[in-house]
């Protein structure tokens, strides 16, 4: 399976932290958000990865130049940001539409239970499969309900999308390339057709989407025993 990292956003909720640094390159315990996503993709045996970039894109491009862990293709959205769906539609070659791709949002740190691997295929009739968790109280996440057949209904329920999904790229073929589209609209359209499924993510996540959340974790041991493994992967992947 191929992967796609959504890294083009402005990171406005991070305040001054992203004035001169794109959000995917912000570091916690010396590990950037982007590099942690690459570490997970390595664990999940992803073959090659596309990364869309826009805001301060040259920094991400330069950061990834020495990366040798697996093939990475950078899709720069030069003139204007294309959104999550528009970015995928424009960047991913159509010859790869024959199989699903794994989407990962580096804004969130995923800590799956041992042995977890994202699905390699979609069930019959499904175009998208989302990983979900119970929505925290007081947070403004889109509510999602898991129906008996594992299809999803948006706007009600007690779960939220954590930023990890399997997507059949053919659900984007009606979109024009180089135009802005948001994946949330695609999710809802597929939901109305019964073409989106989901399951509970087996593990925990850490949302670092605001400056306040980020600051609160700067003095904590976020990665625990996994830190040494992450550092080892990055040393070998970024060797000159």
C-alpha atoms as a PDB file:
ATOM      1  CA  UNK A   1       0.000   0.000   0.000  1.00  0.00           C
ATOM      2  CA  UNK A   2       1.073   3.585  -0.697  1.00  0.00           C
ATOM      3  CA  UNK A   3       0.719   6.436   1.775  1.00  0.00           C
ATOM      4  CA  UNK A   4      -0.227  10.103   1.645  1.00  0.00           C
ATOM      5  CA  UNK A   5       0.784  12.629   4.310  1.00  0.00           C
ATOM      6  CA  UNK A   6      -1.350  15.773   4.424  1.00  0.00           C
ATOM      7  CA  UNK A   7       1.207  18.486   5.202  1.00  0.00           C
ATOM      8  CA  UNK A   8       0.103  21.604   3.310  1.00  0.00           C
ATOM      9  CA  UNK A   9      -1.820  23.431   6.039  1.00  0.00           C
ATOM     10  CA  UNK A  10      -0.964  26.825   7.534  1.00  0.00           C
ATOM     11  CA  UNK A  11      -1.007  25.713  11.188  1.00  0.00           C
ATOM     12  CA  UNK A  12      -2.773  28.915  12.233  1.00  0.00           C
ATOM     13  CA  UNK A  13      -3.988  27.451  15.540  1.00  0.00           C
ATOM     14  CA  UNK A  14      -0.355  27.106  16.624  1.00  0.00           C
ATOM     15  CA  UNK A  15       0.037  30.874  16.892  1.00  0.00           C
ATOM     16  CA  UNK A  16       3.588  32.197  16.738  1.00  0.00           C
ATOM     17  CA  UNK A  17       5.058  28.675  16.648  1.00  0.00           C
ATOM     18  CA  UNK A  18       4.346  28.465  12.918  1.00  0.00           C
ATOM     19  CA  UNK A  19       5.349  32.006  11.963  1.00  0.00           C
ATOM     20  CA  UNK A  20       8.675  30.777  10.604  1.00  0.00           C
ATOM     21  CA  UNK A  21       8.267  26.994  10.787  1.00  0.00           C
ATOM     22  CA  UNK A  22       5.678  24.812   9.025  1.00  0.00           C
ATOM     23  CA  UNK A  23       3.661  22.828  11.526  1.00  0.00           C
ATOM     24  CA  UNK A  24       4.840  19.370  10.318  1.00  0.00           C
ATOM     25  CA  UNK A  25       8.406  20.336  11.293  1.00  0.00           C
ATOM     26  CA  UNK A  26       7.584  21.389  14.859  1.00  0.00           C
ATOM     27  CA  UNK A  27       9.392  19.092  17.280  1.00  0.00           C
ATOM     28  CA  UNK A  28       8.480  17.356  20.490  1.00  0.00           C
ATOM     29  CA  UNK A  29      11.225  15.431  22.311  1.00  0.00           C
ATOM     30  CA  UNK A  30      13.455  16.314  19.305  1.00  0.00           C
ATOM     31  CA  UNK A  31      11.112  14.448  16.914  1.00  0.00           C
ATOM     32  CA  UNK A  32       9.207  16.430  14.287  1.00  0.00           C
ATOM     33  CA  UNK A  33       5.549  15.647  13.683  1.00  0.00           C
ATOM     34  CA  UNK A  34       6.354  14.731  10.085  1.00  0.00           C
ATOM     35  CA  UNK A  35       9.168  12.372  11.041  1.00  0.00           C
ATOM     36  CA  UNK A  36       6.950  10.560  13.511  1.00  0.00           C
ATOM     37  CA  UNK A  37       4.395  10.007  10.728  1.00  0.00           C
ATOM     38  CA  UNK A  38       7.175   8.599   8.534  1.00  0.00           C
ATOM     39  CA  UNK A  39       8.209   6.297  11.373  1.00  0.00           C
ATOM     40  CA  UNK A  40       4.670   4.907  11.621  1.00  0.00           C
ATOM     41  CA  UNK A  41       4.473   4.448   7.848  1.00  0.00           C
ATOM     42  CA  UNK A  42       7.730   2.499   8.076  1.00  0.00           C
ATOM     43  CA  UNK A  43       6.275   0.240  10.778  1.00  0.00           C
ATOM     44  CA  UNK A  44       3.196  -0.345   8.642  1.00  0.00           C
ATOM     45  CA  UNK A  45       5.361  -1.299   5.630  1.00  0.00           C
ATOM     46  CA  UNK A  46       4.080   1.423   3.325  1.00  0.00           C
ATOM     47  CA  UNK A  47       5.804   1.138  -0.078  1.00  0.00           C
ATOM     48  CA  UNK A  48       6.078   4.802  -1.068  1.00  0.00           C
ATOM     49  CA  UNK A  49       4.669   8.083   0.161  1.00  0.00           C
ATOM     50  CA  UNK A  50       3.287  11.302  -1.320  1.00  0.00           C
ATOM     51  CA  UNK A  51       3.428  14.481   0.766  1.00  0.00           C
ATOM     52  CA  UNK A  52       1.601  17.637  -0.273  1.00  0.00           C
ATOM     53  CA  UNK A  53       3.155  20.913   0.862  1.00  0.00           C
ATOM     54  CA  UNK A  54       2.274  24.597   0.559  1.00  0.00           C
ATOM     55  CA  UNK A  55       2.995  26.853   3.553  1.00  0.00           C
ATOM     56  CA  UNK A  56       6.794  27.317   3.943  1.00  0.00           C
ATOM     57  CA  UNK A  57       7.055  24.354   1.603  1.00  0.00           C
ATOM     58  CA  UNK A  58      10.763  24.821   0.900  1.00  0.00           C
ATOM     59  CA  UNK A  59      11.578  23.954   4.514  1.00  0.00           C
ATOM     60  CA  UNK A  60       9.789  20.607   4.286  1.00  0.00           C
ATOM     61  CA  UNK A  61      11.398  19.890   0.921  1.00  0.00           C
ATOM     62  CA  UNK A  62      14.879  20.600   2.276  1.00  0.00           C
ATOM     63  CA  UNK A  63      14.199  18.565   5.397  1.00  0.00           C
ATOM     64  CA  UNK A  64      13.281  15.505   3.331  1.00  0.00           C
ATOM     65  CA  UNK A  65      16.099  15.711   0.767  1.00  0.00           C
ATOM     66  CA  UNK A  66      18.404  13.249   2.608  1.00  0.00           C
ATOM     67  CA  UNK A  67      15.598  10.830   3.558  1.00  0.00           C
ATOM     68  CA  UNK A  68      16.345   7.285   2.344  1.00  0.00           C
ATOM     69  CA  UNK A  69      13.849   5.212   4.338  1.00  0.00           C
ATOM     70  CA  UNK A  70      11.479   4.674   1.379  1.00  0.00           C
ATOM     71  CA  UNK A  71      10.556   6.629  -1.776  1.00  0.00           C
ATOM     72  CA  UNK A  72       8.970  10.005  -1.053  1.00  0.00           C
ATOM     73  CA  UNK A  73       7.252  12.190  -3.656  1.00  0.00           C
ATOM     74  CA  UNK A  74       6.708  15.834  -2.714  1.00  0.00           C
ATOM     75  CA  UNK A  75       3.759  17.596  -4.311  1.00  0.00           C
ATOM     76  CA  UNK A  76       4.160  21.353  -3.944  1.00  0.00           C
ATOM     77  CA  UNK A  77       0.998  23.421  -4.153  1.00  0.00           C
ATOM     78  CA  UNK A  78       2.749  26.543  -5.385  1.00  0.00           C
ATOM     79  CA  UNK A  79       0.158  29.212  -6.090  1.00  0.00           C
ATOM     80  CA  UNK A  80      -2.641  28.312  -3.683  1.00  0.00           C
ATOM     81  CA  UNK A  81      -3.541  25.619  -1.211  1.00  0.00           C
ATOM     82  CA  UNK A  82      -5.720  22.863  -2.676  1.00  0.00           C
ATOM     83  CA  UNK A  83      -7.324  21.411   0.441  1.00  0.00           C
ATOM     84  CA  UNK A  84      -7.166  17.826   1.618  1.00  0.00           C
ATOM     85  CA  UNK A  85      -9.129  16.278  -1.252  1.00  0.00           C
ATOM     86  CA  UNK A  86      -7.784  18.650  -3.897  1.00  0.00           C
ATOM     87  CA  UNK A  87      -4.228  17.975  -2.762  1.00  0.00           C
ATOM     88  CA  UNK A  88      -4.616  14.216  -3.123  1.00  0.00           C
ATOM     89  CA  UNK A  89      -6.448  14.469  -6.453  1.00  0.00           C
ATOM     90  CA  UNK A  90      -3.741  16.691  -7.930  1.00  0.00           C
ATOM     91  CA  UNK A  91      -0.672  14.914  -6.519  1.00  0.00           C
ATOM     92  CA  UNK A  92      -1.421  11.199  -6.788  1.00  0.00           C
ATOM     93  CA  UNK A  93      -0.692   9.671 -10.220  1.00  0.00           C
ATOM     94  CA  UNK A  94      -3.808   8.088 -11.714  1.00  0.00           C
ATOM     95  CA  UNK A  95      -1.988   4.835 -12.444  1.00  0.00           C
ATOM     96  CA  UNK A  96      -1.998   4.289  -8.684  1.00  0.00           C
ATOM     97  CA  UNK A  97      -5.787   4.631  -8.390  1.00  0.00           C
ATOM     98  CA  UNK A  98      -6.123   0.847  -8.725  1.00  0.00           C
ATOM     99  CA  UNK A  99      -5.437   0.293  -5.022  1.00  0.00           C
ATOM    100  CA  UNK A 100      -6.346   2.097  -1.785  1.00  0.00           C
ATOM    101  CA  UNK A 101      -3.943   4.527  -0.112  1.00  0.00           C
ATOM    102  CA  UNK A 102      -3.318   5.214   3.553  1.00  0.00           C
ATOM    103  CA  UNK A 103      -3.959   8.813   4.621  1.00  0.00           C
ATOM    104  CA  UNK A 104      -2.243  10.186   7.710  1.00  0.00           C
ATOM    105  CA  UNK A 105      -2.496  13.615   9.296  1.00  0.00           C
ATOM    106  CA  UNK A 106       0.760  14.566  11.070  1.00  0.00           C
ATOM    107  CA  UNK A 107      -1.125  16.978  13.369  1.00  0.00           C
ATOM    108  CA  UNK A 108      -1.999  13.983  15.554  1.00  0.00           C
ATOM    109  CA  UNK A 109       0.392  11.551  17.215  1.00  0.00           C
ATOM    110  CA  UNK A 110      -0.902   7.992  16.990  1.00  0.00           C
ATOM    111  CA  UNK A 111       0.043   5.397  19.597  1.00  0.00           C
ATOM    112  CA  UNK A 112      -1.447   2.105  18.390  1.00  0.00           C
ATOM    113  CA  UNK A 113      -1.467  -1.061  20.431  1.00  0.00           C
ATOM    114  CA  UNK A 114       1.216  -3.603  19.579  1.00  0.00           C
ATOM    115  CA  UNK A 115       0.520  -5.481  16.371  1.00  0.00           C
ATOM    116  CA  UNK A 116      -1.808  -2.914  14.831  1.00  0.00           C
ATOM    117  CA  UNK A 117      -1.591  -2.451  11.064  1.00  0.00           C
ATOM    118  CA  UNK A 118      -4.078  -0.403   9.026  1.00  0.00           C
ATOM    119  CA  UNK A 119      -6.324  -2.355   6.672  1.00  0.00           C
ATOM    120  CA  UNK A 120      -4.747  -3.223   3.338  1.00  0.00           C
ATOM    121  CA  UNK A 121      -8.061  -3.375   1.522  1.00  0.00           C
ATOM    122  CA  UNK A 122     -11.606  -2.026   1.708  1.00  0.00           C
ATOM    123  CA  UNK A 123     -14.734  -4.080   2.193  1.00  0.00           C
ATOM    124  CA  UNK A 124     -17.068  -4.513  -0.763  1.00  0.00           C
ATOM    125  CA  UNK A 125     -18.910  -1.287  -1.526  1.00  0.00           C
ATOM    126  CA  UNK A 126     -16.701   0.866   0.693  1.00  0.00           C
ATOM    127  CA  UNK A 127     -14.684   3.745  -0.753  1.00  0.00           C
ATOM    128  CA  UNK A 128     -13.261   5.054   2.544  1.00  0.00           C
ATOM    129  CA  UNK A 129     -12.491   3.528   5.937  1.00  0.00           C
ATOM    130  CA  UNK A 130     -11.947   5.869   8.904  1.00  0.00           C
ATOM    131  CA  UNK A 131     -10.330   5.210  12.261  1.00  0.00           C
ATOM    132  CA  UNK A 132     -12.305   6.727  15.115  1.00  0.00           C
ATOM    133  CA  UNK A 133     -12.238   7.329  18.853  1.00  0.00           C
ATOM    134  CA  UNK A 134     -14.802   8.587  21.378  1.00  0.00           C
ATOM    135  CA  UNK A 135     -15.070  12.374  21.066  1.00  0.00           C
ATOM    136  CA  UNK A 136     -13.570  14.235  24.063  1.00  0.00           C
ATOM    137  CA  UNK A 137     -16.012  16.426  25.943  1.00  0.00           C
ATOM    138  CA  UNK A 138     -15.907  20.111  25.091  1.00  0.00           C
ATOM    139  CA  UNK A 139     -14.165  19.598  21.729  1.00  0.00           C
ATOM    140  CA  UNK A 140     -15.763  20.765  18.498  1.00  0.00           C
ATOM    141  CA  UNK A 141     -15.277  17.602  16.436  1.00  0.00           C
ATOM    142  CA  UNK A 142     -17.771  16.435  13.810  1.00  0.00           C
ATOM    143  CA  UNK A 143     -19.846  13.729  15.488  1.00  0.00           C
ATOM    144  CA  UNK A 144     -19.900  10.312  13.839  1.00  0.00           C
ATOM    145  CA  UNK A 145     -22.201   7.360  14.432  1.00  0.00           C
ATOM    146  CA  UNK A 146     -21.129   3.778  13.642  1.00  0.00           C
ATOM    147  CA  UNK A 147     -24.080   1.823  12.279  1.00  0.00           C
ATOM    148  CA  UNK A 148     -24.546  -1.951  12.647  1.00  0.00           C
ATOM    149  CA  UNK A 149     -22.973  -2.675   9.257  1.00  0.00           C
ATOM    150  CA  UNK A 150     -19.965  -0.465  10.182  1.00  0.00           C
ATOM    151  CA  UNK A 151     -21.032   2.268   7.758  1.00  0.00           C
ATOM    152  CA  UNK A 152     -20.835   5.783   9.180  1.00  0.00           C
ATOM    153  CA  UNK A 153     -23.359   8.550   9.662  1.00  0.00           C
ATOM    154  CA  UNK A 154     -22.136  12.118  10.143  1.00  0.00           C
ATOM    155  CA  UNK A 155     -23.651  14.796  12.381  1.00  0.00           C
ATOM    156  CA  UNK A 156     -24.645  12.533  15.252  1.00  0.00           C
ATOM    157  CA  UNK A 157     -23.044   9.898  17.467  1.00  0.00           C
ATOM    158  CA  UNK A 158     -20.209   9.876  19.996  1.00  0.00           C
ATOM    159  CA  UNK A 159     -17.120   9.298  17.847  1.00  0.00           C
ATOM    160  CA  UNK A 160     -14.762  11.504  15.829  1.00  0.00           C
ATOM    161  CA  UNK A 161     -12.294  10.990  12.992  1.00  0.00           C
ATOM    162  CA  UNK A 162      -8.696  10.941  14.258  1.00  0.00           C
ATOM    163  CA  UNK A 163      -6.870  11.680  10.994  1.00  0.00           C
ATOM    164  CA  UNK A 164      -6.018   8.148   9.837  1.00  0.00           C
ATOM    165  CA  UNK A 165      -7.915   6.566   6.941  1.00  0.00           C
ATOM    166  CA  UNK A 166      -7.868   4.168   4.009  1.00  0.00           C
ATOM    167  CA  UNK A 167      -9.113   5.797   0.810  1.00  0.00           C
ATOM    168  CA  UNK A 168      -9.984   4.468  -2.630  1.00  0.00           C
ATOM    169  CA  UNK A 169      -8.683   7.295  -4.866  1.00  0.00           C
ATOM    170  CA  UNK A 170     -11.376   6.620  -7.452  1.00  0.00           C
ATOM    171  CA  UNK A 171     -13.847   8.425  -5.177  1.00  0.00           C
ATOM    172  CA  UNK A 172     -12.020  11.635  -6.147  1.00  0.00           C
ATOM    173  CA  UNK A 173     -11.986  11.224  -9.936  1.00  0.00           C
ATOM    174  CA  UNK A 174     -14.893  13.634 -10.478  1.00  0.00           C
ATOM    175  CA  UNK A 175     -12.878  16.451  -8.879  1.00  0.00           C
ATOM    176  CA  UNK A 176     -10.915  18.818 -11.100  1.00  0.00           C
ATOM    177  CA  UNK A 177      -7.177  18.855 -10.565  1.00  0.00           C
ATOM    178  CA  UNK A 178      -5.507  22.017  -9.228  1.00  0.00           C
ATOM    179  CA  UNK A 179      -8.695  23.179  -7.508  1.00  0.00           C
ATOM    180  CA  UNK A 180      -9.615  23.359  -3.831  1.00  0.00           C
ATOM    181  CA  UNK A 181     -11.690  20.531  -2.325  1.00  0.00           C
ATOM    182  CA  UNK A 182     -12.085  19.376   1.264  1.00  0.00           C
ATOM    183  CA  UNK A 183     -12.130  15.691   2.207  1.00  0.00           C
ATOM    184  CA  UNK A 184     -14.913  16.295   4.714  1.00  0.00           C
ATOM    185  CA  UNK A 185     -17.274  16.884   1.779  1.00  0.00           C
ATOM    186  CA  UNK A 186     -16.150  13.619   0.167  1.00  0.00           C
ATOM    187  CA  UNK A 187     -16.685  11.797   3.451  1.00  0.00           C
ATOM    188  CA  UNK A 188     -20.250  13.066   3.736  1.00  0.00           C
ATOM    189  CA  UNK A 189     -21.063  12.272   0.106  1.00  0.00           C
ATOM    190  CA  UNK A 190     -19.790   8.704   0.538  1.00  0.00           C
ATOM    191  CA  UNK A 191     -21.744   8.420   3.790  1.00  0.00           C
ATOM    192  CA  UNK A 192     -24.986   9.296   1.990  1.00  0.00           C
ATOM    193  CA  UNK A 193     -24.266   6.480  -0.476  1.00  0.00           C
ATOM    194  CA  UNK A 194     -23.333   3.975   2.248  1.00  0.00           C
ATOM    195  CA  UNK A 195     -19.764   3.901   0.930  1.00  0.00           C
ATOM    196  CA  UNK A 196     -17.817   4.897   4.059  1.00  0.00           C
ATOM    197  CA  UNK A 197     -17.024   2.541   6.918  1.00  0.00           C
ATOM    198  CA  UNK A 198     -15.129   2.894  10.162  1.00  0.00           C
ATOM    199  CA  UNK A 199     -13.823   1.253  13.290  1.00  0.00           C
ATOM    200  CA  UNK A 200     -12.432   2.198  16.677  1.00  0.00           C
ATOM    201  CA  UNK A 201      -8.687   2.862  16.627  1.00  0.00           C
ATOM    202  CA  UNK A 202      -6.946   0.321  18.888  1.00  0.00           C
ATOM    203  CA  UNK A 203      -4.780   2.678  20.871  1.00  0.00           C
ATOM    204  CA  UNK A 204      -4.476   6.303  21.920  1.00  0.00           C
ATOM    205  CA  UNK A 205      -3.887   9.581  20.115  1.00  0.00           C
ATOM    206  CA  UNK A 206      -2.414  12.894  21.120  1.00  0.00           C
ATOM    207  CA  UNK A 207      -3.874  15.930  19.395  1.00  0.00           C
ATOM    208  CA  UNK A 208      -1.325  18.744  19.308  1.00  0.00           C
ATOM    209  CA  UNK A 209      -3.483  21.003  17.174  1.00  0.00           C
ATOM    210  CA  UNK A 210      -3.206  24.188  19.234  1.00  0.00           C
ATOM    211  CA  UNK A 211      -0.370  26.137  20.826  1.00  0.00           C
ATOM    212  CA  UNK A 212      -1.860  25.533  24.285  1.00  0.00           C
ATOM    213  CA  UNK A 213      -1.889  21.758  23.790  1.00  0.00           C
ATOM    214  CA  UNK A 214       1.599  21.860  22.319  1.00  0.00           C
ATOM    215  CA  UNK A 215       3.007  23.848  25.228  1.00  0.00           C
ATOM    216  CA  UNK A 216       1.415  21.514  27.767  1.00  0.00           C
ATOM    217  CA  UNK A 217       3.332  18.510  26.404  1.00  0.00           C
ATOM    218  CA  UNK A 218       6.772  20.064  25.940  1.00  0.00           C
ATOM    219  CA  UNK A 219       7.986  18.889  29.350  1.00  0.00           C
ATOM    220  CA  UNK A 220       6.378  15.432  29.218  1.00  0.00           C
ATOM    221  CA  UNK A 221       7.716  12.064  28.096  1.00  0.00           C
ATOM    222  CA  UNK A 222       5.398  11.633  25.136  1.00  0.00           C
ATOM    223  CA  UNK A 223       7.094   8.750  23.298  1.00  0.00           C
ATOM    224  CA  UNK A 224       8.300   6.717  26.274  1.00  0.00           C
ATOM    225  CA  UNK A 225      10.212   3.546  25.388  1.00  0.00           C
ATOM    226  CA  UNK A 226       9.421   4.080  21.708  1.00  0.00           C
ATOM    227  CA  UNK A 227      11.692   7.142  21.519  1.00  0.00           C
ATOM    228  CA  UNK A 228      14.875   5.117  21.030  1.00  0.00           C
ATOM    229  CA  UNK A 229      13.297   3.131  18.163  1.00  0.00           C
ATOM    230  CA  UNK A 230      12.121   6.338  16.480  1.00  0.00           C
ATOM    231  CA  UNK A 231      15.564   7.909  16.789  1.00  0.00           C
ATOM    232  CA  UNK A 232      17.209   4.771  15.389  1.00  0.00           C
ATOM    233  CA  UNK A 233      14.876   4.794  12.369  1.00  0.00           C
ATOM    234  CA  UNK A 234      15.544   8.470  11.714  1.00  0.00           C
ATOM    235  CA  UNK A 235      19.323   8.106  12.015  1.00  0.00           C
ATOM    236  CA  UNK A 236      19.338   5.312   9.446  1.00  0.00           C
ATOM    237  CA  UNK A 237      16.832   7.059   7.147  1.00  0.00           C
ATOM    238  CA  UNK A 238      18.628  10.405   7.083  1.00  0.00           C
ATOM    239  CA  UNK A 239      22.176   9.080   6.722  1.00  0.00           C
ATOM    240  CA  UNK A 240      24.162  10.924   4.090  1.00  0.00           C
END
